[in-house]
């Protein structure tokens, strides 16, 4: 079986160190917002090149907390891409705001910047691009659209740990440092994954930092002093220990993903397959290809014991929980990925013979 992603194999070398770390933690009893958490926040802010990093319970909470920190009027509009994980939209609704959808660019996994302009109204308060599959949205052009308007830029970086902002040409600026606020998930399957749920919010604003730090801890930074109606969304020390160990190897693993993606780009040759255009420094959380013969390819993968994924089989407006918010929208480029997209293995530790087998099966479709 060629696994989609083998986290055990990827992290095997650090398991002994992690167990030693956890035993020491048990002795100290430092389980919630402790020293390992503070250390990871510092390590992650340094990694991203951003002033502040505030940990939280998960990526969905990261988005919700970020939006709540803006203190916007109810039903203020937040522009997002129509193809993303449900969390992007759910966080907006849970913050009492209104999601507004924009299609993806053709054969890309990122929001169509030109379409954003058409969706801006007087109620627009946030533009929230998603760096889907690790491909980076054009933040420079989005900032130009915002200009001097009173609109915040929050980016969903849940699939783009370690990616660089391509829109800044040769500038080595990491995702997580370019927007007003950036949000990350460390779900186990991410490029940087914990062994449970975990999230992070980054910002260069001291004002937002102080507010976010309180909101994630029931509106408080001092016991029994609650300044906001906050969330109980605190990163635990065990997950911080895991992430502190794993962040050291993130760039190396991302380079391996990029190397595999280059092989796929070069060697997948089949008229029934369409490849997406990924950003220059994409970190390939997923490698998605398009085919109208998806069911046939799925059967071939099953027959050849190759795991696969669908990211995602429905657009945001097609999800049953969200249909009432969007009516009968139809956004062509997002639907093409929903209907024809299939994620193939991009595990950084795939062997050469496994990569060749995946390519051979695809080319024989």
Foldseek 3Di string as FASTA:
>chain_A
DAEQADLCVVCVVCPVVLVVVVVVCVVVVQWFPGPLQVVLQVVQCVLQVADGKAKWAFQLQQLLLLLLLVVAPAQQEEEEEQFADLSNQVSQVVNRYAYDYAYCPFLAPKGDLVRVLVVDDPSAAEYEIECPQQFADQVVSNCVSCPVPNHFYEYECQAHPNFARPNVPPDRGGPQHRGQKYKYWQDPLHLQHFPHTMIMMGHNDPSSNVQSNQQSCCQDPDPPDHPDRHHVITDISSRSSSRVVRVVCSVVLLVLLVVLVVCCVPQQDAPQKAAGDGHPRGSRSWGKIFGLCVVVLVVLCVVVVFDKAQSALDTNCPDPVRVVSPPDDDHPNSNRSNNTIMTGRSHSPDDPVRSVVSSVSSRVD
